[in-house]
Amino acid sequence: MEKKQTKQPKLHIRTGDTVKVIAGNSKGKTGLVKSVIIAKQRAIVEGANMITKHVKPNAQNPQGSIEKLEGSIHISNLMVVDPATGEATRTGRRLNDKNKLQRFSKKSDKFI
């Protein structure tokens, strides 16, 4: 019998990071990560990959409407922006002074 894998992978992007979109329709845009969908390896970035959603009429909005929302982007199309330099960078993980794994920028070699 095979065991089911319940452990979720570590991603290079977390909620609250500033990221740059490196591929797709929103290429070149930067924004804050609102949420990360770990199971699908996707993230919702503020102001990137805007989609239109038609909202049905209801009691509060009898006319209905068309809303602009952020769609999710695969995390392979995102790069973390280094807070020290302001440039997109790859990330690694290494032990800090307190012997905990922490992300660091491979460009500036400083912890994120």
PDB file of N, CA and C in Angstrom:
ATOM      1  N   MET A   1       0.832  -1.189   0.000  1.00  0.00           N
ATOM      2  CA  MET A   1       0.000   0.000   0.000  1.00  0.00           C
ATOM      3  C   MET A   1       0.875   1.250   0.000  1.00  0.00           C
ATOM      4  N   GLU A   2       0.474   2.184  -0.832  1.00  0.00           N
ATOM      5  CA  GLU A   2       1.201   3.449  -0.872  1.00  0.00           C
ATOM      6  C   GLU A   2       0.606   4.424   0.113  1.00  0.00           C
ATOM      7  N   LYS A   3       1.481   5.230   0.697  1.00  0.00           N
ATOM      8  CA  LYS A   3       1.012   6.268   1.607  1.00  0.00           C
ATOM      9  C   LYS A   3       0.650   7.507   0.794  1.00  0.00           C
ATOM     10  N   LYS A   4      -0.392   8.182   1.225  1.00  0.00           N
ATOM     11  CA  LYS A   4      -0.749   9.435   0.573  1.00  0.00           C
ATOM     12  C   LYS A   4       0.149  10.532   1.110  1.00  0.00           C
ATOM     13  N   GLN A   5       0.608  11.375   0.213  1.00  0.00           N
ATOM     14  CA  GLN A   5       1.451  12.481   0.637  1.00  0.00           C
ATOM     15  C   GLN A   5       0.570  13.617   1.138  1.00  0.00           C
ATOM     16  N   THR A   6       0.698  13.930   2.415  1.00  0.00           N
ATOM     17  CA  THR A   6      -0.088  15.019   2.985  1.00  0.00           C
ATOM     18  C   THR A   6       0.767  16.263   3.174  1.00  0.00           C
ATOM     19  N   LYS A   7       2.076  16.105   3.091  1.00  0.00           N
ATOM     20  CA  LYS A   7       2.971  17.249   3.276  1.00  0.00           C
ATOM     21  C   LYS A   7       2.937  18.129   2.033  1.00  0.00           C
ATOM     22  N   GLN A   8       2.720  19.417   2.239  1.00  0.00           N
ATOM     23  CA  GLN A   8       2.654  20.334   1.106  1.00  0.00           C
ATOM     24  C   GLN A   8       4.036  20.917   0.831  1.00  0.00           C
ATOM     25  N   PRO A   9       4.332  21.193  -0.434  1.00  0.00           N
ATOM     26  CA  PRO A   9       5.677  21.671  -0.776  1.00  0.00           C
ATOM     27  C   PRO A   9       5.923  23.094  -0.290  1.00  0.00           C
ATOM     28  N   LYS A  10       7.205  23.405  -0.025  1.00  0.00           N
ATOM     29  CA  LYS A  10       7.603  24.775   0.305  1.00  0.00           C
ATOM     30  C   LYS A  10       7.691  25.555  -0.992  1.00  0.00           C
ATOM     31  N   LEU A  11       7.062  26.722  -1.019  1.00  0.00           N
ATOM     32  CA  LEU A  11       7.092  27.556  -2.211  1.00  0.00           C
ATOM     33  C   LEU A  11       8.007  28.746  -1.969  1.00  0.00           C
ATOM     34  N   HIS A  12       8.531  29.336  -3.046  1.00  0.00           N
ATOM     35  CA  HIS A  12       9.427  30.472  -2.905  1.00  0.00           C
ATOM     36  C   HIS A  12       8.668  31.783  -2.709  1.00  0.00           C
ATOM     37  N   ILE A  13       7.336  31.713  -2.742  1.00  0.00           N
ATOM     38  CA  ILE A  13       6.505  32.916  -2.602  1.00  0.00           C
ATOM     39  C   ILE A  13       5.550  32.724  -1.442  1.00  0.00           C
ATOM     40  N   ARG A  14       5.369  33.784  -0.651  1.00  0.00           N
ATOM     41  CA  ARG A  14       4.449  33.748   0.480  1.00  0.00           C
ATOM     42  C   ARG A  14       3.508  34.939   0.402  1.00  0.00           C
ATOM     43  N   THR A  15       2.406  34.858   1.142  1.00  0.00           N
ATOM     44  CA  THR A  15       1.465  35.972   1.218  1.00  0.00           C
ATOM     45  C   THR A  15       2.178  37.181   1.810  1.00  0.00           C
ATOM     46  N   GLY A  16       1.987  38.348   1.195  1.00  0.00           N
ATOM     47  CA  GLY A  16       2.619  39.571   1.682  1.00  0.00           C
ATOM     48  C   GLY A  16       3.903  39.936   0.960  1.00  0.00           C
ATOM     49  N   ASP A  17       4.442  39.035   0.139  1.00  0.00           N
ATOM     50  CA  ASP A  17       5.657  39.336  -0.625  1.00  0.00           C
ATOM     51  C   ASP A  17       5.342  40.301  -1.761  1.00  0.00           C
ATOM     52  N   THR A  18       6.327  41.096  -2.138  1.00  0.00           N
ATOM     53  CA  THR A  18       6.224  41.891  -3.351  1.00  0.00           C
ATOM     54  C   THR A  18       6.874  41.073  -4.455  1.00  0.00           C
ATOM     55  N   VAL A  19       6.122  40.860  -5.544  1.00  0.00           N
ATOM     56  CA  VAL A  19       6.618  40.013  -6.621  1.00  0.00           C
ATOM     57  C   VAL A  19       6.533  40.734  -7.958  1.00  0.00           C
ATOM     58  N   LYS A  20       7.306  40.237  -8.916  1.00  0.00           N
ATOM     59  CA  LYS A  20       7.270  40.740 -10.284  1.00  0.00           C
ATOM     60  C   LYS A  20       6.803  39.608 -11.180  1.00  0.00           C
ATOM     61  N   VAL A  21       5.882  39.918 -12.106  1.00  0.00           N
ATOM     62  CA  VAL A  21       5.378  38.923 -13.049  1.00  0.00           C
ATOM     63  C   VAL A  21       6.377  38.836 -14.201  1.00  0.00           C
ATOM     64  N   ILE A  22       6.881  37.633 -14.480  1.00  0.00           N
ATOM     65  CA  ILE A  22       7.917  37.481 -15.512  1.00  0.00           C
ATOM     66  C   ILE A  22       7.397  36.833 -16.786  1.00  0.00           C
ATOM     67  N   ALA A  23       6.126  36.394 -16.790  1.00  0.00           N
ATOM     68  CA  ALA A  23       5.553  35.787 -17.999  1.00  0.00           C
ATOM     69  C   ALA A  23       4.044  35.954 -17.987  1.00  0.00           C
ATOM     70  N   GLY A  24       3.449  35.973 -19.160  1.00  0.00           N
ATOM     71  CA  GLY A  24       2.000  36.063 -19.280  1.00  0.00           C
ATOM     72  C   GLY A  24       1.549  37.450 -19.707  1.00  0.00           C
ATOM     73  N   ASN A  25       0.229  37.686 -19.656  1.00  0.00           N
ATOM     74  CA  ASN A  25      -0.341  38.961 -20.099  1.00  0.00           C
ATOM     75  C   ASN A  25       0.089  40.134 -19.232  1.00  0.00           C
ATOM     76  N   SER A  26       0.359  39.894 -17.962  1.00  0.00           N
ATOM     77  CA  SER A  26       0.741  40.958 -17.028  1.00  0.00           C
ATOM     78  C   SER A  26       2.250  41.052 -16.853  1.00  0.00           C
ATOM     79  N   LYS A  27       3.014  40.585 -17.824  1.00  0.00           N
ATOM     80  CA  LYS A  27       4.481  40.572 -17.720  1.00  0.00           C
ATOM     81  C   LYS A  27       5.024  41.960 -17.418  1.00  0.00           C
ATOM     82  N   GLY A  28       5.917  42.036 -16.427  1.00  0.00           N
ATOM     83  CA  GLY A  28       6.544  43.302 -16.056  1.00  0.00           C
ATOM     84  C   GLY A  28       5.881  44.009 -14.888  1.00  0.00           C
ATOM     85  N   LYS A  29       4.655  43.637 -14.537  1.00  0.00           N
ATOM     86  CA  LYS A  29       3.965  44.294 -13.428  1.00  0.00           C
ATOM     87  C   LYS A  29       4.475  43.769 -12.098  1.00  0.00           C
ATOM     88  N   THR A  30       4.480  44.653 -11.095  1.00  0.00           N
ATOM     89  CA  THR A  30       4.833  44.236  -9.746  1.00  0.00           C
ATOM     90  C   THR A  30       3.637  44.471  -8.841  1.00  0.00           C
ATOM     91  N   GLY A  31       3.533  43.671  -7.808  1.00  0.00           N
ATOM     92  CA  GLY A  31       2.421  43.819  -6.881  1.00  0.00           C
ATOM     93  C   GLY A  31       2.616  42.963  -5.649  1.00  0.00           C
ATOM     94  N   LEU A  32       1.707  43.141  -4.702  1.00  0.00           N
ATOM     95  CA  LEU A  32       1.734  42.427  -3.442  1.00  0.00           C
ATOM     96  C   LEU A  32       0.940  41.130  -3.586  1.00  0.00           C
ATOM     97  N   VAL A  33       1.425  40.051  -3.006  1.00  0.00           N
ATOM     98  CA  VAL A  33       0.717  38.773  -3.056  1.00  0.00           C
ATOM     99  C   VAL A  33      -0.400  38.797  -2.022  1.00  0.00           C
ATOM    100  N   LYS A  34      -1.650  38.693  -2.503  1.00  0.00           N
ATOM    101  CA  LYS A  34      -2.810  38.686  -1.605  1.00  0.00           C
ATOM    102  C   LYS A  34      -2.986  37.324  -0.948  1.00  0.00           C
ATOM    103  N   SER A  35      -2.881  36.269  -1.743  1.00  0.00           N
ATOM    104  CA  SER A  35      -3.021  34.915  -1.199  1.00  0.00           C
ATOM    105  C   SER A  35      -2.288  33.928  -2.083  1.00  0.00           C
ATOM    106  N   VAL A  36      -1.949  32.776  -1.486  1.00  0.00           N
ATOM    107  CA  VAL A  36      -1.269  31.704  -2.208  1.00  0.00           C
ATOM    108  C   VAL A  36      -2.128  30.453  -2.095  1.00  0.00           C
ATOM    109  N   ILE A  37      -2.400  29.820  -3.239  1.00  0.00           N
ATOM    110  CA  ILE A  37      -3.152  28.573  -3.274  1.00  0.00           C
ATOM    111  C   ILE A  37      -2.111  27.459  -3.410  1.00  0.00           C
ATOM    112  N   ILE A  38      -1.717  26.858  -2.275  1.00  0.00           N
ATOM    113  CA  ILE A  38      -0.606  25.911  -2.254  1.00  0.00           C
ATOM    114  C   ILE A  38      -0.910  24.663  -3.067  1.00  0.00           C
ATOM    115  N   ALA A  39      -2.125  24.148  -2.971  1.00  0.00           N
ATOM    116  CA  ALA A  39      -2.482  22.907  -3.665  1.00  0.00           C
ATOM    117  C   ALA A  39      -2.348  23.042  -5.181  1.00  0.00           C
ATOM    118  N   LYS A  40      -2.683  24.207  -5.723  1.00  0.00           N
ATOM    119  CA  LYS A  40      -2.603  24.426  -7.171  1.00  0.00           C
ATOM    120  C   LYS A  40      -1.335  25.145  -7.588  1.00  0.00           C
ATOM    121  N   GLN A  41      -0.498  25.545  -6.626  1.00  0.00           N
ATOM    122  CA  GLN A  41       0.736  26.297  -6.857  1.00  0.00           C
ATOM    123  C   GLN A  41       0.466  27.572  -7.651  1.00  0.00           C
ATOM    124  N   ARG A  42      -0.521  28.324  -7.188  1.00  0.00           N
ATOM    125  CA  ARG A  42      -0.887  29.585  -7.828  1.00  0.00           C
ATOM    126  C   ARG A  42      -0.964  30.673  -6.770  1.00  0.00           C
ATOM    127  N   ALA A  43      -0.855  31.936  -7.212  1.00  0.00           N
ATOM    128  CA  ALA A  43      -0.929  33.073  -6.299  1.00  0.00           C
ATOM    129  C   ALA A  43      -1.796  34.163  -6.913  1.00  0.00           C
ATOM    130  N   ILE A  44      -2.431  34.943  -6.054  1.00  0.00           N
ATOM    131  CA  ILE A  44      -3.219  36.085  -6.502  1.00  0.00           C
ATOM    132  C   ILE A  44      -2.416  37.332  -6.177  1.00  0.00           C
ATOM    133  N   VAL A  45      -2.068  38.088  -7.228  1.00  0.00           N
ATOM    134  CA  VAL A  45      -1.218  39.274  -7.092  1.00  0.00           C
ATOM    135  C   VAL A  45      -2.062  40.517  -7.330  1.00  0.00           C
ATOM    136  N   GLU A  46      -1.895  41.496  -6.445  1.00  0.00           N
ATOM    137  CA  GLU A  46      -2.653  42.745  -6.514  1.00  0.00           C
ATOM    138  C   GLU A  46      -2.340  43.487  -7.816  1.00  0.00           C
ATOM    139  N   GLY A  47      -3.380  43.744  -8.633  1.00  0.00           N
ATOM    140  CA  GLY A  47      -3.225  44.535  -9.852  1.00  0.00           C
ATOM    141  C   GLY A  47      -2.717  43.777 -11.059  1.00  0.00           C
ATOM    142  N   ALA A  48      -2.539  42.465 -10.954  1.00  0.00           N
ATOM    143  CA  ALA A  48      -2.033  41.683 -12.084  1.00  0.00           C
ATOM    144  C   ALA A  48      -3.057  40.633 -12.495  1.00  0.00           C
ATOM    145  N   ASN A  49      -3.076  40.281 -13.785  1.00  0.00           N
ATOM    146  CA  ASN A  49      -3.970  39.269 -14.348  1.00  0.00           C
ATOM    147  C   ASN A  49      -5.437  39.584 -14.036  1.00  0.00           C
ATOM    148  N   MET A  50      -5.856  40.790 -14.399  1.00  0.00           N
ATOM    149  CA  MET A  50      -7.226  41.224 -14.118  1.00  0.00           C
ATOM    150  C   MET A  50      -8.224  40.478 -15.015  1.00  0.00           C
ATOM    151  N   ILE A  51      -9.309  39.995 -14.399  1.00  0.00           N
ATOM    152  CA  ILE A  51     -10.370  39.309 -15.123  1.00  0.00           C
ATOM    153  C   ILE A  51     -11.687  40.017 -14.849  1.00  0.00           C
ATOM    154  N   THR A  52     -12.672  39.833 -15.746  1.00  0.00           N
ATOM    155  CA  THR A  52     -13.987  40.425 -15.521  1.00  0.00           C
ATOM    156  C   THR A  52     -14.943  39.342 -15.078  1.00  0.00           C
ATOM    157  N   LYS A  53     -15.772  39.669 -14.084  1.00  0.00           N
ATOM    158  CA  LYS A  53     -16.741  38.720 -13.554  1.00  0.00           C
ATOM    159  C   LYS A  53     -18.118  39.353 -13.611  1.00  0.00           C
ATOM    160  N   HIS A  54     -19.061  38.653 -14.180  1.00  0.00           N
ATOM    161  CA  HIS A  54     -20.431  39.143 -14.246  1.00  0.00           C
ATOM    162  C   HIS A  54     -21.162  38.732 -12.974  1.00  0.00           C
ATOM    163  N   VAL A  55     -21.723  39.719 -12.281  1.00  0.00           N
ATOM    164  CA  VAL A  55     -22.418  39.476 -11.021  1.00  0.00           C
ATOM    165  C   VAL A  55     -23.918  39.526 -11.262  1.00  0.00           C
ATOM    166  N   LYS A  56     -24.624  38.497 -10.786  1.00  0.00           N
ATOM    167  CA  LYS A  56     -26.078  38.432 -10.961  1.00  0.00           C
ATOM    168  C   LYS A  56     -26.768  39.507 -10.129  1.00  0.00           C
ATOM    169  N   PRO A  57     -27.927  39.959 -10.556  1.00  0.00           N
ATOM    170  CA  PRO A  57     -28.687  40.915  -9.742  1.00  0.00           C
ATOM    171  C   PRO A  57     -29.099  40.281  -8.406  1.00  0.00           C
ATOM    172  N   ASN A  58     -29.053  41.089  -7.343  1.00  0.00           N
ATOM    173  CA  ASN A  58     -29.506  40.639  -6.033  1.00  0.00           C
ATOM    174  C   ASN A  58     -30.159  41.808  -5.300  1.00  0.00           C
ATOM    175  N   ALA A  59     -30.511  41.634  -4.043  1.00  0.00           N
ATOM    176  CA  ALA A  59     -31.225  42.672  -3.291  1.00  0.00           C
ATOM    177  C   ALA A  59     -30.392  43.949  -3.160  1.00  0.00           C
ATOM    178  N   GLN A  60     -29.097  43.816  -2.890  1.00  0.00           N
ATOM    179  CA  GLN A  60     -28.245  44.997  -2.732  1.00  0.00           C
ATOM    180  C   GLN A  60     -27.915  45.637  -4.080  1.00  0.00           C
ATOM    181  N   ASN A  61     -27.854  44.836  -5.120  1.00  0.00           N
ATOM    182  CA  ASN A  61     -27.473  45.327  -6.442  1.00  0.00           C
ATOM    183  C   ASN A  61     -28.508  44.828  -7.456  1.00  0.00           C
ATOM    184  N   PRO A  62     -29.662  45.520  -7.571  1.00  0.00           N
ATOM    185  CA  PRO A  62     -30.738  45.024  -8.430  1.00  0.00           C
ATOM    186  C   PRO A  62     -30.389  45.013  -9.929  1.00  0.00           C
ATOM    187  N   GLN A  63     -29.427  45.826 -10.352  1.00  0.00           N
ATOM    188  CA  GLN A  63     -29.048  45.876 -11.761  1.00  0.00           C
ATOM    189  C   GLN A  63     -28.069  44.759 -12.137  1.00  0.00           C
ATOM    190  N   GLY A  64     -27.324  44.254 -11.153  1.00  0.00           N
ATOM    191  CA  GLY A  64     -26.211  43.364 -11.474  1.00  0.00           C
ATOM    192  C   GLY A  64     -25.037  44.218 -11.923  1.00  0.00           C
ATOM    193  N   SER A  65     -23.896  43.634 -12.144  1.00  0.00           N
ATOM    194  CA  SER A  65     -22.747  44.444 -12.558  1.00  0.00           C
ATOM    195  C   SER A  65     -21.656  43.574 -13.170  1.00  0.00           C
ATOM    196  N   ILE A  66     -20.645  44.235 -13.671  1.00  0.00           N
ATOM    197  CA  ILE A  66     -19.445  43.575 -14.177  1.00  0.00           C
ATOM    198  C   ILE A  66     -18.296  44.083 -13.322  1.00  0.00           C
ATOM    199  N   GLU A  67     -17.616  43.170 -12.608  1.00  0.00           N
ATOM    200  CA  GLU A  67     -16.528  43.554 -11.706  1.00  0.00           C
ATOM    201  C   GLU A  67     -15.190  43.104 -12.265  1.00  0.00           C
ATOM    202  N   LYS A  68     -14.167  43.882 -11.974  1.00  0.00           N
ATOM    203  CA  LYS A  68     -12.796  43.526 -12.331  1.00  0.00           C
ATOM    204  C   LYS A  68     -12.141  42.921 -11.094  1.00  0.00           C
ATOM    205  N   LEU A  69     -11.605  41.700 -11.230  1.00  0.00           N
ATOM    206  CA  LEU A  69     -10.949  41.009 -10.124  1.00  0.00           C
ATOM    207  C   LEU A  69      -9.586  40.501 -10.572  1.00  0.00           C
ATOM    208  N   GLU A  70      -8.719  40.217  -9.596  1.00  0.00           N
ATOM    209  CA  GLU A  70      -7.428  39.617  -9.913  1.00  0.00           C
ATOM    210  C   GLU A  70      -7.597  38.119 -10.075  1.00  0.00           C
ATOM    211  N   GLY A  71      -7.038  37.580 -11.141  1.00  0.00           N
ATOM    212  CA  GLY A  71      -7.027  36.131 -11.341  1.00  0.00           C
ATOM    213  C   GLY A  71      -5.747  35.562 -10.759  1.00  0.00           C
ATOM    214  N   SER A  72      -5.697  34.253 -10.640  1.00  0.00           N
ATOM    215  CA  SER A  72      -4.501  33.634 -10.074  1.00  0.00           C
ATOM    216  C   SER A  72      -3.441  33.446 -11.168  1.00  0.00           C
ATOM    217  N   ILE A  73      -2.187  33.440 -10.744  1.00  0.00           N
ATOM    218  CA  ILE A  73      -1.041  33.272 -11.638  1.00  0.00           C
ATOM    219  C   ILE A  73      -0.205  32.123 -11.087  1.00  0.00           C
ATOM    220  N   HIS A  74       0.304  31.280 -11.965  1.00  0.00           N
ATOM    221  CA  HIS A  74       1.149  30.181 -11.506  1.00  0.00           C
ATOM    222  C   HIS A  74       2.435  30.756 -10.917  1.00  0.00           C
ATOM    223  N   ILE A  75       2.915  30.139  -9.819  1.00  0.00           N
ATOM    224  CA  ILE A  75       4.065  30.726  -9.119  1.00  0.00           C
ATOM    225  C   ILE A  75       5.358  30.664  -9.927  1.00  0.00           C
ATOM    226  N   SER A  76       5.405  29.814 -10.965  1.00  0.00           N
ATOM    227  CA  SER A  76       6.607  29.768 -11.805  1.00  0.00           C
ATOM    228  C   SER A  76       6.744  31.043 -12.633  1.00  0.00           C
ATOM    229  N   ASN A  77       5.658  31.806 -12.763  1.00  0.00           N
ATOM    230  CA  ASN A  77       5.677  33.054 -13.527  1.00  0.00           C
ATOM    231  C   ASN A  77       5.903  34.268 -12.639  1.00  0.00           C
ATOM    232  N   LEU A  78       6.286  34.054 -11.378  1.00  0.00           N
ATOM    233  CA  LEU A  78       6.508  35.143 -10.428  1.00  0.00           C
ATOM    234  C   LEU A  78       7.912  35.067  -9.854  1.00  0.00           C
ATOM    235  N   MET A  79       8.498  36.247  -9.612  1.00  0.00           N
ATOM    236  CA  MET A  79       9.797  36.332  -8.948  1.00  0.00           C
ATOM    237  C   MET A  79       9.690  37.302  -7.790  1.00  0.00           C
ATOM    238  N   VAL A  80      10.305  36.956  -6.680  1.00  0.00           N
ATOM    239  CA  VAL A  80      10.288  37.810  -5.496  1.00  0.00           C
ATOM    240  C   VAL A  80      11.155  39.033  -5.758  1.00  0.00           C
ATOM    241  N   VAL A  81      10.668  40.205  -5.333  1.00  0.00           N
ATOM    242  CA  VAL A  81      11.441  41.445  -5.452  1.00  0.00           C
ATOM    243  C   VAL A  81      12.246  41.621  -4.176  1.00  0.00           C
ATOM    244  N   ASP A  82      13.556  41.792  -4.330  1.00  0.00           N
ATOM    245  CA  ASP A  82      14.457  41.953  -3.188  1.00  0.00           C
ATOM    246  C   ASP A  82      14.184  43.295  -2.516  1.00  0.00           C
ATOM    247  N   PRO A  83      13.848  43.311  -1.213  1.00  0.00           N
ATOM    248  CA  PRO A  83      13.563  44.577  -0.537  1.00  0.00           C
ATOM    249  C   PRO A  83      14.775  45.522  -0.473  1.00  0.00           C
ATOM    250  N   ALA A  84      15.977  44.967  -0.467  1.00  0.00           N
ATOM    251  CA  ALA A  84      17.179  45.793  -0.359  1.00  0.00           C
ATOM    252  C   ALA A  84      17.476  46.545  -1.661  1.00  0.00           C
ATOM    253  N   THR A  85      17.369  45.863  -2.810  1.00  0.00           N
ATOM    254  CA  THR A  85      17.740  46.484  -4.079  1.00  0.00           C
ATOM    255  C   THR A  85      16.544  46.896  -4.919  1.00  0.00           C
ATOM    256  N   GLY A  86      15.386  46.265  -4.697  1.00  0.00           N
ATOM    257  CA  GLY A  86      14.202  46.574  -5.490  1.00  0.00           C
ATOM    258  C   GLY A  86      14.164  45.857  -6.828  1.00  0.00           C
ATOM    259  N   GLU A  87      15.038  44.860  -7.032  1.00  0.00           N
ATOM    260  CA  GLU A  87      15.077  44.099  -8.271  1.00  0.00           C
ATOM    261  C   GLU A  87      14.540  42.691  -8.033  1.00  0.00           C
ATOM    262  N   ALA A  88      14.044  42.062  -9.087  1.00  0.00           N
ATOM    263  CA  ALA A  88      13.587  40.677  -8.997  1.00  0.00           C
ATOM    264  C   ALA A  88      14.797  39.777  -8.777  1.00  0.00           C
ATOM    265  N   THR A  89      14.633  38.782  -7.915  1.00  0.00           N
ATOM    266  CA  THR A  89      15.746  37.909  -7.572  1.00  0.00           C
ATOM    267  C   THR A  89      15.276  36.489  -7.329  1.00  0.00           C
ATOM    268  N   ARG A  90      16.177  35.545  -7.509  1.00  0.00           N
ATOM    269  CA  ARG A  90      15.896  34.176  -7.106  1.00  0.00           C
ATOM    270  C   ARG A  90      16.116  34.082  -5.600  1.00  0.00           C
ATOM    271  N   THR A  91      15.521  33.080  -4.987  1.00  0.00           N
ATOM    272  CA  THR A  91      15.652  32.937  -3.546  1.00  0.00           C
ATOM    273  C   THR A  91      16.207  31.570  -3.193  1.00  0.00           C
ATOM    274  N   GLY A  92      16.861  31.505  -2.041  1.00  0.00           N
ATOM    275  CA  GLY A  92      17.337  30.241  -1.483  1.00  0.00           C
ATOM    276  C   GLY A  92      16.956  30.220  -0.018  1.00  0.00           C
ATOM    277  N   ARG A  93      17.275  29.120   0.656  1.00  0.00           N
ATOM    278  CA  ARG A  93      16.997  29.041   2.090  1.00  0.00           C
ATOM    279  C   ARG A  93      18.259  28.610   2.797  1.00  0.00           C
ATOM    280  N   ARG A  94      18.564  29.271   3.906  1.00  0.00           N
ATOM    281  CA  ARG A  94      19.725  28.896   4.715  1.00  0.00           C
ATOM    282  C   ARG A  94      19.453  29.219   6.177  1.00  0.00           C
ATOM    283  N   LEU A  95      20.273  28.689   7.042  1.00  0.00           N
ATOM    284  CA  LEU A  95      20.097  28.899   8.483  1.00  0.00           C
ATOM    285  C   LEU A  95      20.515  30.316   8.860  1.00  0.00           C
ATOM    286  N   ASN A  96      19.711  30.954   9.710  1.00  0.00           N
ATOM    287  CA  ASN A  96      20.077  32.274  10.217  1.00  0.00           C
ATOM    288  C   ASN A  96      20.749  32.122  11.589  1.00  0.00           C
ATOM    289  N   ASP A  97      20.940  33.231  12.317  1.00  0.00           N
ATOM    290  CA  ASP A  97      21.639  33.192  13.615  1.00  0.00           C
ATOM    291  C   ASP A  97      20.913  32.303  14.631  1.00  0.00           C
ATOM    292  N   LYS A  98      19.590  32.218  14.518  1.00  0.00           N
ATOM    293  CA  LYS A  98      18.791  31.459  15.484  1.00  0.00           C
ATOM    294  C   LYS A  98      18.581  30.012  15.042  1.00  0.00           C
ATOM    295  N   ASN A  99      19.406  29.533  14.095  1.00  0.00           N
ATOM    296  CA  ASN A  99      19.323  28.172  13.566  1.00  0.00           C
ATOM    297  C   ASN A  99      17.951  27.823  13.001  1.00  0.00           C
ATOM    298  N   LYS A 100      17.332  28.784  12.320  1.00  0.00           N
ATOM    299  CA  LYS A 100      16.069  28.549  11.625  1.00  0.00           C
ATOM    300  C   LYS A 100      16.300  28.800  10.140  1.00  0.00           C
ATOM    301  N   LEU A 101      15.609  28.013   9.302  1.00  0.00           N
ATOM    302  CA  LEU A 101      15.713  28.244   7.860  1.00  0.00           C
ATOM    303  C   LEU A 101      14.987  29.528   7.500  1.00  0.00           C
ATOM    304  N   GLN A 102      15.674  30.378   6.762  1.00  0.00           N
ATOM    305  CA  GLN A 102      15.083  31.648   6.338  1.00  0.00           C
ATOM    306  C   GLN A 102      15.449  31.885   4.881  1.00  0.00           C
ATOM    307  N   ARG A 103      14.543  32.530   4.141  1.00  0.00           N
ATOM    308  CA  ARG A 103      14.808  32.811   2.733  1.00  0.00           C
ATOM    309  C   ARG A 103      15.847  33.928   2.598  1.00  0.00           C
ATOM    310  N   PHE A 104      16.670  33.841   1.553  1.00  0.00           N
ATOM    311  CA  PHE A 104      17.622  34.911   1.267  1.00  0.00           C
ATOM    312  C   PHE A 104      17.651  35.183  -0.224  1.00  0.00           C
ATOM    313  N   SER A 105      18.047  36.414  -0.564  1.00  0.00           N
ATOM    314  CA  SER A 105      18.135  36.838  -1.948  1.00  0.00           C
ATOM    315  C   SER A 105      19.461  36.363  -2.529  1.00  0.00           C
ATOM    316  N   LYS A 106      19.425  35.733  -3.690  1.00  0.00           N
ATOM    317  CA  LYS A 106      20.652  35.257  -4.303  1.00  0.00           C
ATOM    318  C   LYS A 106      21.417  36.389  -4.993  1.00  0.00           C
ATOM    319  N   LYS A 107      20.732  37.538  -5.217  1.00  0.00           N
ATOM    320  CA  LYS A 107      21.399  38.681  -5.839  1.00  0.00           C
ATOM    321  C   LYS A 107      22.197  39.471  -4.813  1.00  0.00           C
ATOM    322  N   SER A 108      21.553  39.843  -3.705  1.00  0.00           N
ATOM    323  CA  SER A 108      22.217  40.670  -2.704  1.00  0.00           C
ATOM    324  C   SER A 108      22.773  39.839  -1.552  1.00  0.00           C
ATOM    325  N   ASP A 109      22.447  38.549  -1.491  1.00  0.00           N
ATOM    326  CA  ASP A 109      22.901  37.632  -0.442  1.00  0.00           C
ATOM    327  C   ASP A 109      22.456  38.068   0.955  1.00  0.00           C
ATOM    328  N   LYS A 110      21.290  38.728   1.041  1.00  0.00           N
ATOM    329  CA  LYS A 110      20.736  39.158   2.332  1.00  0.00           C
ATOM    330  C   LYS A 110      19.437  38.432   2.584  1.00  0.00           C
ATOM    331  N   PHE A 111      19.080  38.285   3.853  1.00  0.00           N
ATOM    332  CA  PHE A 111      17.845  37.610   4.224  1.00  0.00           C
ATOM    333  C   PHE A 111      16.627  38.452   3.848  1.00  0.00           C
ATOM    334  N   ILE A 112      15.550  37.763   3.460  1.00  0.00           N
ATOM    335  CA  ILE A 112      14.301  38.444   3.084  1.00  0.00           C
ATOM    336  C   ILE A 112      13.367  38.396   4.268  1.00  0.00           C
TER     337      ILE A 112
END
